[in-house]
Amino acid sequence: MSSLRGHSRRNSRRLKNEINVVPYIDVMLVLLVIFMVTAPMITPGLIDLPSVGQASEVPAAPIEVQIDKEGQMAIRLREGDAQFQTIPSDQLIPEVQQLALNENPIVIAADGEVPYASVMEIMDQLRSHGFTRLGFLVNRDSDK
């Protein structure tokens, strides 16, 4: 009988090497229910965009900065039949400040052979002087 008692003690002290996954399943099911209940309540943000007829203000005409293959710059205000004025590179900022009275956006039109670093340098100069509405003019032809 004493051997029987000793045997039962060995079984009760034996470690289990199994993971009890029941609590993890319970947590997963609770989270699933929470997501299922809250998902229909979330509505995407709706934006009421104005149509062209309802726009209160016409956007300002952009200032176009043109850079040719040789790095020569020209500038114009893109409205009506305004002509490009050739300017030296050190006069870019004063000329843009003269034209940008209504917070006009600035469009950079660089030739495809102009180095990327040169275009980014001009863009950096404009940003450092407070011009944040910058863009690039691209050719929409799909032939190339």
N, C-alpha and C. Protein backbone atom coordinates (compact mmCIF):
# COMPACT_ATOMS: atom_id res chain seq x y z
N MET A 1 0.81 -1.18 0.00
CA MET A 1 0.00 0.00 0.00
C MET A 1 0.86 1.26 0.00
N SER A 2 1.94 1.21 0.66
CA SER A 2 2.83 2.37 0.68
C SER A 2 3.39 2.63 -0.71
N SER A 3 3.63 1.58 -1.47
CA SER A 3 4.12 1.79 -2.84
C SER A 3 3.06 2.42 -3.72
N LEU A 4 1.81 2.13 -3.43
CA LEU A 4 0.71 2.72 -4.19
C LEU A 4 0.59 4.22 -3.90
N ARG A 5 0.80 4.57 -2.65
CA ARG A 5 0.75 5.99 -2.29
C ARG A 5 1.91 6.76 -2.92
N GLY A 6 3.05 6.19 -2.93
CA GLY A 6 4.21 6.85 -3.53
C GLY A 6 4.04 7.05 -5.02
N HIS A 7 3.40 6.09 -5.65
CA HIS A 7 3.17 6.18 -7.09
C HIS A 7 2.20 7.32 -7.42
N SER A 8 1.18 7.51 -6.58
CA SER A 8 0.21 8.58 -6.84
C SER A 8 0.84 9.95 -6.62
N ARG A 9 1.80 10.05 -5.71
CA ARG A 9 2.49 11.32 -5.50
C ARG A 9 3.35 11.67 -6.71
N ARG A 10 3.96 10.70 -7.33
CA ARG A 10 4.80 10.98 -8.50
C ARG A 10 3.95 11.51 -9.66
N ASN A 11 2.79 10.98 -9.87
CA ASN A 11 1.93 11.44 -10.96
C ASN A 11 1.41 12.85 -10.72
N SER A 12 1.12 13.19 -9.47
CA SER A 12 0.56 14.51 -9.19
C SER A 12 1.63 15.59 -9.31
N ARG A 13 2.89 15.25 -9.13
CA ARG A 13 3.96 16.24 -9.23
C ARG A 13 4.55 16.34 -10.63
N ARG A 14 4.16 15.51 -11.51
CA ARG A 14 4.72 15.52 -12.86
C ARG A 14 4.30 16.82 -13.58
N LEU A 15 5.24 17.48 -14.25
CA LEU A 15 4.98 18.73 -14.95
C LEU A 15 4.30 18.45 -16.28
N LYS A 16 3.39 19.33 -16.61
CA LYS A 16 2.73 19.21 -17.91
C LYS A 16 3.50 20.05 -18.92
N ASN A 17 3.78 19.50 -20.05
CA ASN A 17 4.51 20.24 -21.08
C ASN A 17 3.60 20.67 -22.22
N GLU A 18 2.36 20.97 -21.90
CA GLU A 18 1.38 21.42 -22.88
C GLU A 18 0.97 22.85 -22.56
N ILE A 19 0.67 23.59 -23.61
CA ILE A 19 0.22 24.97 -23.43
C ILE A 19 -1.30 24.97 -23.36
N ASN A 20 -1.81 25.67 -22.37
CA ASN A 20 -3.25 25.79 -22.23
C ASN A 20 -3.72 26.96 -23.09
N VAL A 21 -4.36 26.68 -24.22
CA VAL A 21 -4.76 27.71 -25.17
C VAL A 21 -6.18 28.22 -24.96
N VAL A 22 -6.88 27.67 -24.03
CA VAL A 22 -8.27 28.07 -23.81
C VAL A 22 -8.37 29.56 -23.45
N PRO A 23 -7.53 30.11 -22.57
CA PRO A 23 -7.64 31.56 -22.29
C PRO A 23 -7.38 32.41 -23.54
N TYR A 24 -6.45 31.99 -24.39
CA TYR A 24 -6.16 32.75 -25.61
C TYR A 24 -7.35 32.72 -26.56
N ILE A 25 -8.03 31.62 -26.65
CA ILE A 25 -9.22 31.52 -27.49
C ILE A 25 -10.33 32.40 -26.95
N ASP A 26 -10.47 32.46 -25.62
CA ASP A 26 -11.49 33.31 -25.02
C ASP A 26 -11.22 34.78 -25.34
N VAL A 27 -9.98 35.19 -25.23
CA VAL A 27 -9.63 36.59 -25.52
C VAL A 27 -9.89 36.89 -26.99
N MET A 28 -9.52 35.98 -27.87
CA MET A 28 -9.72 36.17 -29.29
C MET A 28 -11.21 36.32 -29.62
N LEU A 29 -12.04 35.50 -29.02
CA LEU A 29 -13.48 35.58 -29.28
C LEU A 29 -14.07 36.88 -28.76
N VAL A 30 -13.61 37.35 -27.60
CA VAL A 30 -14.10 38.62 -27.07
C VAL A 30 -13.70 39.76 -28.01
N LEU A 31 -12.45 39.76 -28.49
CA LEU A 31 -12.02 40.79 -29.42
C LEU A 31 -12.80 40.74 -30.73
N LEU A 32 -13.09 39.54 -31.21
CA LEU A 32 -13.86 39.37 -32.42
C LEU A 32 -15.26 39.98 -32.27
N VAL A 33 -15.88 39.73 -31.15
CA VAL A 33 -17.22 40.29 -30.90
C VAL A 33 -17.14 41.82 -30.82
N ILE A 34 -16.12 42.34 -30.16
CA ILE A 34 -15.99 43.80 -30.06
C ILE A 34 -15.84 44.42 -31.45
N PHE A 35 -14.98 43.84 -32.29
CA PHE A 35 -14.79 44.37 -33.64
C PHE A 35 -16.06 44.23 -34.48
N MET A 36 -16.77 43.15 -34.32
CA MET A 36 -18.00 42.96 -35.09
C MET A 36 -19.06 43.97 -34.69
N VAL A 37 -19.10 44.37 -33.43
CA VAL A 37 -20.10 45.32 -32.96
C VAL A 37 -19.71 46.75 -33.35
N THR A 38 -18.42 47.08 -33.26
CA THR A 38 -18.02 48.47 -33.51
C THR A 38 -17.80 48.78 -34.99
N ALA A 39 -17.52 47.81 -35.82
CA ALA A 39 -17.24 48.08 -37.24
C ALA A 39 -18.39 48.77 -37.97
N PRO A 40 -19.64 48.38 -37.79
CA PRO A 40 -20.71 49.09 -38.49
C PRO A 40 -20.93 50.52 -38.00
N MET A 41 -20.47 50.83 -36.79
CA MET A 41 -20.66 52.17 -36.25
C MET A 41 -19.69 53.18 -36.82
N ILE A 42 -18.56 52.71 -37.36
CA ILE A 42 -17.55 53.61 -37.89
C ILE A 42 -17.95 54.02 -39.31
N THR A 43 -18.11 55.33 -39.51
CA THR A 43 -18.45 55.82 -40.84
C THR A 43 -17.24 56.53 -41.42
N PRO A 44 -16.97 56.34 -42.70
CA PRO A 44 -15.84 57.05 -43.31
C PRO A 44 -16.13 58.54 -43.38
N GLY A 45 -15.06 59.34 -43.33
CA GLY A 45 -15.22 60.79 -43.41
C GLY A 45 -15.78 61.20 -44.75
N LEU A 46 -16.83 61.98 -44.73
CA LEU A 46 -17.45 62.46 -45.95
C LEU A 46 -17.02 63.90 -46.18
N ILE A 47 -16.59 64.19 -47.38
CA ILE A 47 -16.14 65.54 -47.74
C ILE A 47 -17.05 66.08 -48.82
N ASP A 48 -17.58 67.25 -48.59
CA ASP A 48 -18.45 67.89 -49.57
C ASP A 48 -17.60 68.87 -50.38
N LEU A 49 -17.09 68.41 -51.53
CA LEU A 49 -16.24 69.24 -52.36
C LEU A 49 -17.09 70.20 -53.20
N PRO A 50 -16.64 71.45 -53.32
CA PRO A 50 -17.40 72.38 -54.15
C PRO A 50 -17.19 72.07 -55.62
N SER A 51 -18.23 72.32 -56.41
CA SER A 51 -18.09 72.15 -57.85
C SER A 51 -17.52 73.45 -58.42
N VAL A 52 -17.21 73.46 -59.69
CA VAL A 52 -16.58 74.62 -60.30
C VAL A 52 -17.48 75.84 -60.22
N GLY A 53 -18.79 75.65 -60.37
CA GLY A 53 -19.72 76.77 -60.32
C GLY A 53 -19.85 77.37 -58.94
N GLN A 54 -19.53 76.61 -57.89
CA GLN A 54 -19.71 77.08 -56.53
C GLN A 54 -18.43 77.60 -55.90
N ALA A 55 -17.31 77.54 -56.60
CA ALA A 55 -16.04 77.98 -56.03
C ALA A 55 -16.11 79.47 -55.74
N SER A 56 -15.73 79.85 -54.54
CA SER A 56 -15.84 81.24 -54.15
C SER A 56 -14.72 82.10 -54.71
N GLU A 57 -13.59 81.48 -55.02
CA GLU A 57 -12.44 82.25 -55.43
C GLU A 57 -11.69 81.50 -56.53
N VAL A 58 -11.32 82.21 -57.55
CA VAL A 58 -10.55 81.60 -58.63
C VAL A 58 -9.11 81.47 -58.16
N PRO A 59 -8.49 80.30 -58.35
CA PRO A 59 -7.10 80.16 -57.90
C PRO A 59 -6.18 81.13 -58.64
N ALA A 60 -5.15 81.57 -57.95
CA ALA A 60 -4.20 82.51 -58.54
C ALA A 60 -3.43 81.84 -59.66
N ALA A 61 -3.09 82.63 -60.68
CA ALA A 61 -2.32 82.10 -61.81
C ALA A 61 -0.93 81.70 -61.33
N PRO A 62 -0.44 80.54 -61.76
CA PRO A 62 0.88 80.11 -61.29
C PRO A 62 2.01 80.90 -61.95
N ILE A 63 3.12 80.93 -61.24
CA ILE A 63 4.35 81.51 -61.78
C ILE A 63 5.15 80.36 -62.36
N GLU A 64 5.56 80.49 -63.60
CA GLU A 64 6.30 79.42 -64.27
C GLU A 64 7.77 79.79 -64.34
N VAL A 65 8.61 78.92 -63.79
CA VAL A 65 10.06 79.08 -63.87
C VAL A 65 10.53 78.02 -64.86
N GLN A 66 11.16 78.49 -65.95
CA GLN A 66 11.58 77.58 -67.02
C GLN A 66 13.11 77.49 -67.02
N ILE A 67 13.61 76.25 -67.12
CA ILE A 67 15.06 76.03 -67.16
C ILE A 67 15.36 75.25 -68.43
N ASP A 68 16.25 75.80 -69.29
CA ASP A 68 16.56 75.11 -70.54
C ASP A 68 17.80 74.22 -70.37
N LYS A 69 18.23 73.59 -71.47
CA LYS A 69 19.34 72.64 -71.44
C LYS A 69 20.63 73.24 -70.88
N GLU A 70 20.88 74.51 -71.21
CA GLU A 70 22.11 75.16 -70.77
C GLU A 70 22.03 75.69 -69.35
N GLY A 71 20.87 75.59 -68.72
CA GLY A 71 20.70 76.07 -67.36
C GLY A 71 20.21 77.51 -67.28
N GLN A 72 19.87 78.11 -68.41
CA GLN A 72 19.34 79.47 -68.43
C GLN A 72 17.92 79.45 -67.90
N MET A 73 17.59 80.46 -67.11
CA MET A 73 16.26 80.53 -66.51
C MET A 73 15.44 81.66 -67.11
N ALA A 74 14.15 81.39 -67.19
CA ALA A 74 13.19 82.40 -67.62
C ALA A 74 11.98 82.28 -66.71
N ILE A 75 11.25 83.37 -66.55
CA ILE A 75 10.12 83.38 -65.62
C ILE A 75 8.97 84.14 -66.25
N ARG A 76 7.75 83.71 -65.92
CA ARG A 76 6.56 84.44 -66.36
C ARG A 76 5.40 84.08 -65.44
N LEU A 77 4.41 84.97 -65.42
CA LEU A 77 3.15 84.70 -64.73
C LEU A 77 2.22 84.12 -65.77
N ARG A 78 1.71 82.90 -65.54
CA ARG A 78 0.93 82.19 -66.56
C ARG A 78 -0.51 82.71 -66.61
N GLU A 79 -0.67 83.86 -67.17
CA GLU A 79 -2.00 84.40 -67.40
C GLU A 79 -1.98 85.21 -68.68
N GLY A 80 -3.03 85.08 -69.44
CA GLY A 80 -3.12 85.80 -70.70
C GLY A 80 -2.00 85.38 -71.65
N ASP A 81 -1.38 86.38 -72.24
CA ASP A 81 -0.30 86.09 -73.19
C ASP A 81 1.04 86.61 -72.64
N ALA A 82 1.29 86.39 -71.37
CA ALA A 82 2.53 86.84 -70.74
C ALA A 82 3.72 86.12 -71.37
N GLN A 83 4.79 86.87 -71.60
CA GLN A 83 5.99 86.34 -72.22
C GLN A 83 7.04 86.03 -71.15
N PHE A 84 7.92 85.07 -71.47
CA PHE A 84 9.00 84.73 -70.57
C PHE A 84 10.04 85.85 -70.54
N GLN A 85 10.56 86.10 -69.37
CA GLN A 85 11.65 87.06 -69.20
C GLN A 85 12.87 86.28 -68.73
N THR A 86 13.95 86.34 -69.49
CA THR A 86 15.18 85.66 -69.12
C THR A 86 15.79 86.37 -67.92
N ILE A 87 16.19 85.58 -66.91
CA ILE A 87 16.77 86.17 -65.71
C ILE A 87 18.03 85.38 -65.34
N PRO A 88 19.00 86.04 -64.68
CA PRO A 88 20.15 85.29 -64.16
C PRO A 88 19.72 84.49 -62.94
N SER A 89 20.44 83.42 -62.66
CA SER A 89 20.03 82.52 -61.57
C SER A 89 20.04 83.19 -60.20
N ASP A 90 20.90 84.20 -60.02
CA ASP A 90 20.93 84.86 -58.70
C ASP A 90 19.76 85.83 -58.51
N GLN A 91 19.02 86.13 -59.56
CA GLN A 91 17.87 87.03 -59.47
C GLN A 91 16.53 86.28 -59.39
N LEU A 92 16.58 84.95 -59.26
CA LEU A 92 15.35 84.16 -59.25
C LEU A 92 14.43 84.55 -58.10
N ILE A 93 14.95 84.58 -56.89
CA ILE A 93 14.12 84.84 -55.71
C ILE A 93 13.50 86.24 -55.76
N PRO A 94 14.26 87.31 -56.04
CA PRO A 94 13.61 88.64 -56.11
C PRO A 94 12.54 88.72 -57.20
N GLU A 95 12.77 88.08 -58.34
CA GLU A 95 11.77 88.11 -59.41
C GLU A 95 10.50 87.37 -59.01
N VAL A 96 10.67 86.22 -58.36
CA VAL A 96 9.50 85.46 -57.92
C VAL A 96 8.74 86.23 -56.85
N GLN A 97 9.46 86.87 -55.94
CA GLN A 97 8.80 87.66 -54.90
C GLN A 97 8.02 88.83 -55.49
N GLN A 98 8.54 89.38 -56.58
CA GLN A 98 7.84 90.48 -57.24
C GLN A 98 6.53 90.01 -57.87
N LEU A 99 6.54 88.81 -58.46
CA LEU A 99 5.35 88.30 -59.13
C LEU A 99 4.35 87.65 -58.18
N ALA A 100 4.82 87.12 -57.06
CA ALA A 100 3.96 86.34 -56.16
C ALA A 100 3.30 87.22 -55.12
N LEU A 101 2.40 88.05 -55.56
CA LEU A 101 1.70 88.93 -54.62
C LEU A 101 0.49 88.25 -54.00
N ASN A 102 -0.12 87.33 -54.72
CA ASN A 102 -1.34 86.67 -54.24
C ASN A 102 -1.09 85.22 -53.83
N GLU A 103 0.09 84.94 -53.32
CA GLU A 103 0.47 83.57 -52.94
C GLU A 103 0.28 82.61 -54.12
N ASN A 104 0.76 83.04 -55.26
CA ASN A 104 0.66 82.23 -56.47
C ASN A 104 1.45 80.94 -56.32
N PRO A 105 0.94 79.84 -56.84
CA PRO A 105 1.76 78.63 -56.87
C PRO A 105 2.89 78.80 -57.88
N ILE A 106 3.97 78.08 -57.66
CA ILE A 106 5.13 78.16 -58.56
C ILE A 106 5.30 76.82 -59.24
N VAL A 107 5.40 76.86 -60.57
CA VAL A 107 5.57 75.66 -61.37
C VAL A 107 6.96 75.70 -62.00
N ILE A 108 7.74 74.64 -61.80
CA ILE A 108 9.08 74.56 -62.37
C ILE A 108 9.00 73.70 -63.62
N ALA A 109 9.39 74.29 -64.77
CA ALA A 109 9.39 73.58 -66.05
C ALA A 109 10.84 73.44 -66.49
N ALA A 110 11.42 72.26 -66.24
CA ALA A 110 12.82 72.03 -66.58
C ALA A 110 12.92 71.10 -67.77
N ASP A 111 13.89 71.36 -68.63
CA ASP A 111 14.17 70.49 -69.77
C ASP A 111 14.57 69.11 -69.25
N GLY A 112 14.29 68.08 -70.02
CA GLY A 112 14.59 66.72 -69.60
C GLY A 112 16.06 66.44 -69.42
N GLU A 113 16.92 67.25 -70.01
CA GLU A 113 18.37 67.04 -69.92
C GLU A 113 19.01 67.86 -68.79
N VAL A 114 18.23 68.65 -68.09
CA VAL A 114 18.76 69.41 -66.96
C VAL A 114 19.00 68.43 -65.81
N PRO A 115 20.16 68.49 -65.16
CA PRO A 115 20.43 67.57 -64.04
C PRO A 115 19.40 67.75 -62.91
N TYR A 116 19.03 66.63 -62.34
CA TYR A 116 18.04 66.61 -61.26
C TYR A 116 18.50 67.45 -60.08
N ALA A 117 19.79 67.43 -59.79
CA ALA A 117 20.33 68.19 -58.66
C ALA A 117 20.10 69.70 -58.86
N SER A 118 20.20 70.18 -60.08
CA SER A 118 19.98 71.60 -60.34
C SER A 118 18.53 72.00 -60.08
N VAL A 119 17.61 71.15 -60.50
CA VAL A 119 16.19 71.44 -60.28
C VAL A 119 15.88 71.42 -58.79
N MET A 120 16.42 70.46 -58.07
CA MET A 120 16.17 70.38 -56.64
C MET A 120 16.81 71.55 -55.90
N GLU A 121 17.92 72.03 -56.39
CA GLU A 121 18.58 73.20 -55.78
C GLU A 121 17.68 74.43 -55.91
N ILE A 122 17.08 74.61 -57.08
CA ILE A 122 16.16 75.74 -57.28
C ILE A 122 14.93 75.59 -56.39
N MET A 123 14.43 74.38 -56.32
CA MET A 123 13.26 74.13 -55.47
C MET A 123 13.59 74.40 -54.00
N ASP A 124 14.78 74.03 -53.57
CA ASP A 124 15.20 74.26 -52.20
C ASP A 124 15.34 75.76 -51.91
N GLN A 125 15.86 76.52 -52.88
CA GLN A 125 15.96 77.97 -52.71
C GLN A 125 14.58 78.59 -52.52
N LEU A 126 13.63 78.15 -53.33
CA LEU A 126 12.28 78.70 -53.24
C LEU A 126 11.64 78.34 -51.90
N ARG A 127 11.81 77.10 -51.45
CA ARG A 127 11.23 76.70 -50.16
C ARG A 127 11.86 77.45 -49.00
N SER A 128 13.17 77.67 -49.06
CA SER A 128 13.84 78.36 -47.95
C SER A 128 13.41 79.83 -47.86
N HIS A 129 12.85 80.38 -48.93
CA HIS A 129 12.34 81.75 -48.89
C HIS A 129 10.83 81.82 -48.67
N GLY A 130 10.23 80.72 -48.25
CA GLY A 130 8.83 80.74 -47.85
C GLY A 130 7.82 80.34 -48.90
N PHE A 131 8.26 79.92 -50.06
CA PHE A 131 7.33 79.49 -51.11
C PHE A 131 7.08 77.99 -50.93
N THR A 132 5.87 77.64 -50.54
CA THR A 132 5.55 76.23 -50.25
C THR A 132 4.69 75.59 -51.32
N ARG A 133 4.03 76.39 -52.13
CA ARG A 133 3.16 75.84 -53.18
C ARG A 133 3.97 75.66 -54.46
N LEU A 134 4.72 74.56 -54.52
CA LEU A 134 5.61 74.29 -55.65
C LEU A 134 5.14 73.06 -56.40
N GLY A 135 5.41 73.04 -57.70
CA GLY A 135 5.06 71.88 -58.51
C GLY A 135 5.96 71.80 -59.73
N PHE A 136 5.80 70.72 -60.48
CA PHE A 136 6.58 70.51 -61.70
C PHE A 136 5.64 70.48 -62.89
N LEU A 137 6.07 71.09 -63.97
CA LEU A 137 5.31 71.05 -65.22
C LEU A 137 5.83 69.86 -66.02
N VAL A 138 4.93 69.00 -66.45
CA VAL A 138 5.33 67.80 -67.18
C VAL A 138 4.59 67.76 -68.52
N ASN A 139 5.16 66.98 -69.44
CA ASN A 139 4.56 66.78 -70.74
C ASN A 139 3.62 65.60 -70.65
N ARG A 140 2.38 65.76 -71.06
CA ARG A 140 1.40 64.69 -70.97
C ARG A 140 1.40 63.77 -72.16
N ASP A 141 2.27 63.99 -73.14
CA ASP A 141 2.33 63.12 -74.31
C ASP A 141 2.78 61.73 -73.89
N SER A 142 2.05 60.71 -74.34
CA SER A 142 2.42 59.33 -74.01
C SER A 142 3.24 58.69 -75.12
N ASP A 143 3.68 59.49 -76.11
CA ASP A 143 4.47 58.96 -77.23
C ASP A 143 5.87 58.58 -76.81
N LYS A 144 6.39 59.18 -75.76
CA LYS A 144 7.79 58.95 -75.39
C LYS A 144 7.95 57.75 -74.51
